[in-house]
PDB file of N, CA and C in Angstrom:
ATOM      1  N   MET A   1     -35.952  13.052 135.918  1.00  0.00           N
ATOM      2  CA  MET A   1     -36.638  12.214 136.652  1.00  0.00           C
ATOM      3  C   MET A   1     -38.128  12.825 136.678  1.00  0.00           C
ATOM      4  N   ALA A   2     -39.084  11.929 136.643  1.00  0.00           N
ATOM      5  CA  ALA A   2     -40.498  12.327 136.795  1.00  0.00           C
ATOM      6  C   ALA A   2     -40.873  12.677 137.893  1.00  0.00           C
ATOM      7  N   GLU A   3     -41.726  13.859 137.874  1.00  0.00           N
ATOM      8  CA  GLU A   3     -42.318  14.295 139.154  1.00  0.00           C
ATOM      9  C   GLU A   3     -43.515  13.332 139.783  1.00  0.00           C
ATOM     10  N   GLN A   4     -43.259  13.346 141.080  1.00  0.00           N
ATOM     11  CA  GLN A   4     -44.337  12.325 141.782  1.00  0.00           C
ATOM     12  C   GLN A   4     -45.706  13.057 141.797  1.00  0.00           C
ATOM     13  N   THR A   5     -46.522  12.143 141.426  1.00  0.00           N
ATOM     14  CA  THR A   5     -48.023  12.674 141.407  1.00  0.00           C
ATOM     15  C   THR A   5     -48.761  12.166 142.505  1.00  0.00           C
ATOM     16  N   LYS A   6     -48.413  11.241 143.141  1.00  0.00           N
ATOM     17  CA  LYS A   6     -49.251  10.582 144.368  1.00  0.00           C
ATOM     18  C   LYS A   6     -48.604  11.139 145.593  1.00  0.00           C
ATOM     19  N   ASP A   7     -49.437  11.517 146.518  1.00  0.00           N
ATOM     20  CA  ASP A   7     -49.044  12.035 147.940  1.00  0.00           C
ATOM     21  C   ASP A   7     -48.582  10.623 148.640  1.00  0.00           C
ATOM     22  N   ILE A   8     -47.713  10.686 149.401  1.00  0.00           N
ATOM     23  CA  ILE A   8     -47.350   9.554 150.356  1.00  0.00           C
ATOM     24  C   ILE A   8     -47.644  10.244 151.827  1.00  0.00           C
ATOM     25  N   LEU A   9     -48.880   9.614 152.449  1.00  0.00           N
ATOM     26  CA  LEU A   9     -49.793  10.154 153.402  1.00  0.00           C
ATOM     27  C   LEU A   9     -48.986   9.509 154.800  1.00  0.00           C
ATOM     28  N   SER A  10     -49.069  10.337 155.724  1.00  0.00           N
ATOM     29  CA  SER A  10     -48.731   9.736 157.115  1.00  0.00           C
ATOM     30  C   SER A  10     -49.899  10.008 158.038  1.00  0.00           C
ATOM     31  N   GLU A  11     -49.716   9.558 159.295  1.00  0.00           N
ATOM     32  CA  GLU A  11     -50.774   9.615 160.121  1.00  0.00           C
ATOM     33  C   GLU A  11     -51.175  11.055 160.673  1.00  0.00           C
ATOM     34  N   HIS A  12     -50.353  11.879 160.454  1.00  0.00           N
ATOM     35  CA  HIS A  12     -50.536  13.447 160.525  1.00  0.00           C
ATOM     36  C   HIS A  12     -51.217  13.916 159.408  1.00  0.00           C
ATOM     37  N   THR A  13     -51.006  13.381 158.123  1.00  0.00           N
ATOM     38  CA  THR A  13     -51.663  14.198 156.900  1.00  0.00           C
ATOM     39  C   THR A  13     -52.525  13.319 156.284  1.00  0.00           C
ATOM     40  N   LYS A  14     -53.070  12.296 156.992  1.00  0.00           N
ATOM     41  CA  LYS A  14     -54.060  11.380 156.197  1.00  0.00           C
ATOM     42  C   LYS A  14     -55.548  12.012 156.015  1.00  0.00           C
ATOM     43  N   ASP A  15     -55.778  12.677 156.997  1.00  0.00           N
ATOM     44  CA  ASP A  15     -57.120  13.248 156.897  1.00  0.00           C
ATOM     45  C   ASP A  15     -57.277  14.725 156.292  1.00  0.00           C
ATOM     46  N   MET A  16     -56.103  15.258 156.052  1.00  0.00           N
ATOM     47  CA  MET A  16     -56.068  16.465 155.247  1.00  0.00           C
ATOM     48  C   MET A  16     -56.613  16.409 153.669  1.00  0.00           C
ATOM     49  N   THR A  17     -57.208  17.416 153.081  1.00  0.00           N
ATOM     50  CA  THR A  17     -57.393  17.579 152.022  1.00  0.00           C
ATOM     51  C   THR A  17     -56.069  17.909 151.138  1.00  0.00           C
ATOM     52  N   PRO A  18     -56.126  17.502 149.757  1.00  0.00           N
ATOM     53  CA  PRO A  18     -55.025  18.035 149.052  1.00  0.00           C
ATOM     54  C   PRO A  18     -54.489  19.536 149.154  1.00  0.00           C
ATOM     55  N   GLU A  19     -55.559  20.185 149.248  1.00  0.00           N
ATOM     56  CA  GLU A  19     -55.331  21.622 149.248  1.00  0.00           C
ATOM     57  C   GLU A  19     -54.606  21.902 150.786  1.00  0.00           C
ATOM     58  N   GLN A  20     -54.999  21.283 151.668  1.00  0.00           N
ATOM     59  CA  GLN A  20     -54.456  21.512 153.013  1.00  0.00           C
ATOM     60  C   GLN A  20     -52.960  21.010 153.034  1.00  0.00           C
ATOM     61  N   ARG A  21     -52.957  19.857 152.439  1.00  0.00           N
ATOM     62  CA  ARG A  21     -51.360  19.577 152.325  1.00  0.00           C
ATOM     63  C   ARG A  21     -50.471  20.275 151.536  1.00  0.00           C
ATOM     64  N   ALA A  22     -51.038  20.933 150.583  1.00  0.00           N
ATOM     65  CA  ALA A  22     -50.117  21.841 149.773  1.00  0.00           C
ATOM     66  C   ALA A  22     -49.996  23.208 150.470  1.00  0.00           C
ATOM     67  N   GLU A  23     -50.907  23.563 151.291  1.00  0.00           N
ATOM     68  CA  GLU A  23     -50.619  24.658 152.290  1.00  0.00           C
ATOM     69  C   GLU A  23     -49.608  24.381 153.247  1.00  0.00           C
ATOM     70  N   LEU A  24     -49.541  23.228 153.882  1.00  0.00           N
ATOM     71  CA  LEU A  24     -48.684  22.812 154.892  1.00  0.00           C
ATOM     72  C   LEU A  24     -47.416  22.753 154.189  1.00  0.00           C
ATOM     73  N   GLN A  25     -47.231  22.288 152.894  1.00  0.00           N
ATOM     74  CA  GLN A  25     -46.023  22.149 152.271  1.00  0.00           C
ATOM     75  C   GLN A  25     -45.384  23.484 152.037  1.00  0.00           C
ATOM     76  N   GLU A  26     -46.270  24.491 151.507  1.00  0.00           N
ATOM     77  CA  GLU A  26     -45.745  25.682 151.316  1.00  0.00           C
ATOM     78  C   GLU A  26     -45.436  26.576 152.516  1.00  0.00           C
ATOM     79  N   LYS A  27     -46.169  26.343 153.673  1.00  0.00           N
ATOM     80  CA  LYS A  27     -45.697  26.828 154.914  1.00  0.00           C
ATOM     81  C   LYS A  27     -44.497  26.348 155.554  1.00  0.00           C
ATOM     82  N   VAL A  28     -44.237  25.036 155.368  1.00  0.00           N
ATOM     83  CA  VAL A  28     -42.943  24.337 156.000  1.00  0.00           C
ATOM     84  C   VAL A  28     -41.820  24.807 154.997  1.00  0.00           C
ATOM     85  N   GLY A  29     -42.201  25.103 153.887  1.00  0.00           N
ATOM     86  CA  GLY A  29     -41.027  25.373 152.840  1.00  0.00           C
ATOM     87  C   GLY A  29     -40.544  26.793 152.970  1.00  0.00           C
ATOM     88  N   SER A  30     -41.157  27.671 153.622  1.00  0.00           N
ATOM     89  CA  SER A  30     -40.948  28.900 153.759  1.00  0.00           C
ATOM     90  C   SER A  30     -40.481  29.418 155.184  1.00  0.00           C
ATOM     91  N   MET A  31     -40.350  28.323 156.148  1.00  0.00           N
ATOM     92  CA  MET A  31     -39.770  28.453 157.380  1.00  0.00           C
ATOM     93  C   MET A  31     -38.444  28.747 157.418  1.00  0.00           C
ATOM     94  N   THR A  32     -37.760  29.444 158.492  1.00  0.00           N
ATOM     95  CA  THR A  32     -36.539  29.690 158.795  1.00  0.00           C
ATOM     96  C   THR A  32     -36.035  28.413 159.534  1.00  0.00           C
ATOM     97  N   GLU A  33     -34.760  28.129 159.694  1.00  0.00           N
ATOM     98  CA  GLU A  33     -34.351  27.057 160.257  1.00  0.00           C
ATOM     99  C   GLU A  33     -34.817  26.926 161.798  1.00  0.00           C
ATOM    100  N   GLU A  34     -34.967  28.057 162.612  1.00  0.00           N
ATOM    101  CA  GLU A  34     -35.428  27.983 163.898  1.00  0.00           C
ATOM    102  C   GLU A  34     -36.949  27.727 163.899  1.00  0.00           C
ATOM    103  N   GLU A  35     -37.762  28.346 163.064  1.00  0.00           N
ATOM    104  CA  GLU A  35     -39.148  28.035 162.833  1.00  0.00           C
ATOM    105  C   GLU A  35     -39.184  26.533 162.682  1.00  0.00           C
ATOM    106  N   LEU A  36     -38.567  26.022 161.813  1.00  0.00           N
ATOM    107  CA  LEU A  36     -38.748  24.658 161.374  1.00  0.00           C
ATOM    108  C   LEU A  36     -38.194  23.661 162.524  1.00  0.00           C
ATOM    109  N   LYS A  37     -37.354  23.979 163.187  1.00  0.00           N
ATOM    110  CA  LYS A  37     -36.816  23.228 164.485  1.00  0.00           C
ATOM    111  C   LYS A  37     -37.885  23.151 165.462  1.00  0.00           C
ATOM    112  N   GLU A  38     -38.673  24.414 165.630  1.00  0.00           N
ATOM    113  CA  GLU A  38     -39.738  24.380 166.646  1.00  0.00           C
ATOM    114  C   GLU A  38     -41.104  23.728 166.134  1.00  0.00           C
ATOM    115  N   PHE A  39     -41.245  23.739 164.836  1.00  0.00           N
ATOM    116  CA  PHE A  39     -42.433  22.972 164.078  1.00  0.00           C
ATOM    117  C   PHE A  39     -42.009  21.540 164.338  1.00  0.00           C
ATOM    118  N   ARG A  40     -41.046  20.919 163.951  1.00  0.00           N
ATOM    119  CA  ARG A  40     -40.782  19.448 164.269  1.00  0.00           C
ATOM    120  C   ARG A  40     -40.665  19.200 165.707  1.00  0.00           C
ATOM    121  N   ASN A  41     -40.155  19.957 166.721  1.00  0.00           N
ATOM    122  CA  ASN A  41     -40.496  19.737 168.063  1.00  0.00           C
ATOM    123  C   ASN A  41     -41.881  19.688 168.809  1.00  0.00           C
ATOM    124  N   GLY A  42     -42.619  20.171 167.886  1.00  0.00           N
ATOM    125  CA  GLY A  42     -44.090  20.258 168.214  1.00  0.00           C
ATOM    126  C   GLY A  42     -44.747  19.121 167.889  1.00  0.00           C
ATOM    127  N   LEU A  43     -44.110  18.052 167.063  1.00  0.00           N
ATOM    128  CA  LEU A  43     -45.034  16.927 166.455  1.00  0.00           C
ATOM    129  C   LEU A  43     -44.813  15.796 167.276  1.00  0.00           C
ATOM    130  N   ASP A  44     -45.678  14.988 167.402  1.00  0.00           N
ATOM    131  CA  ASP A  44     -45.682  13.550 168.157  1.00  0.00           C
ATOM    132  C   ASP A  44     -45.007  12.639 167.247  1.00  0.00           C
ATOM    133  N   PRO A  45     -43.784  12.279 167.506  1.00  0.00           N
ATOM    134  CA  PRO A  45     -43.057  11.066 166.516  1.00  0.00           C
ATOM    135  C   PRO A  45     -43.893   9.916 166.490  1.00  0.00           C
ATOM    136  N   ASP A  46     -44.707   9.454 167.554  1.00  0.00           N
ATOM    137  CA  ASP A  46     -45.305   8.279 167.463  1.00  0.00           C
ATOM    138  C   ASP A  46     -46.506   8.463 166.648  1.00  0.00           C
ATOM    139  N   ASN A  47     -47.146   9.547 166.089  1.00  0.00           N
ATOM    140  CA  ASN A  47     -48.077   9.790 165.188  1.00  0.00           C
ATOM    141  C   ASN A  47     -47.487  10.013 163.700  1.00  0.00           C
ATOM    142  N   MET A  48     -46.198   9.897 163.441  1.00  0.00           N
ATOM    143  CA  MET A  48     -45.714  10.275 162.274  1.00  0.00           C
ATOM    144  C   MET A  48     -45.424   9.151 161.282  1.00  0.00           C
ATOM    145  N   GLY A  49     -45.858   8.048 161.558  1.00  0.00           N
ATOM    146  CA  GLY A  49     -45.619   7.052 160.693  1.00  0.00           C
ATOM    147  C   GLY A  49     -46.407   7.115 159.364  1.00  0.00           C
ATOM    148  N   PHE A  50     -45.902   6.197 158.313  1.00  0.00           N
ATOM    149  CA  PHE A  50     -46.641   6.349 157.239  1.00  0.00           C
ATOM    150  C   PHE A  50     -48.032   5.547 157.381  1.00  0.00           C
ATOM    151  N   PHE A  51     -49.034   6.157 156.511  1.00  0.00           N
ATOM    152  CA  PHE A  51     -50.316   5.536 156.490  1.00  0.00           C
ATOM    153  C   PHE A  51     -50.720   4.806 155.212  1.00  0.00           C
ATOM    154  N   GLY A  52     -51.201   3.737 155.257  1.00  0.00           N
ATOM    155  CA  GLY A  52     -51.443   2.842 154.036  1.00  0.00           C
ATOM    156  C   GLY A  52     -50.585   2.303 153.133  1.00  0.00           C
ATOM    157  N   GLU A  53     -50.596   2.185 152.015  1.00  0.00           N
ATOM    158  CA  GLU A  53     -49.588   1.700 151.075  1.00  0.00           C
ATOM    159  C   GLU A  53     -48.263   2.472 151.041  1.00  0.00           C
ATOM    160  N   GLU A  54     -47.143   1.842 151.273  1.00  0.00           N
ATOM    161  CA  GLU A  54     -46.032   2.608 151.204  1.00  0.00           C
ATOM    162  C   GLU A  54     -45.360   2.193 149.680  1.00  0.00           C
ATOM    163  N   SER A  55     -44.614   3.161 148.964  1.00  0.00           N
ATOM    164  CA  SER A  55     -44.044   2.748 147.810  1.00  0.00           C
ATOM    165  C   SER A  55     -42.653   3.663 147.965  1.00  0.00           C
ATOM    166  N   VAL A  56     -41.805   3.233 147.011  1.00  0.00           N
ATOM    167  CA  VAL A  56     -40.479   3.942 146.963  1.00  0.00           C
ATOM    168  C   VAL A  56     -40.327   4.469 145.641  1.00  0.00           C
TER     169      VAL A  56
END
């Protein structure tokens, strides 16, 4: 399977630079289950929708 080269942005990440998104991805990827649960609970679900063109 080919690696995806285009980020799918959300309302939360639309104004981030590619470097900021990569940093966030790395941070989330290294979280424990408890840290991840706390992180997810801190986000506003109404602002988490996709931004711009959606693709599958």
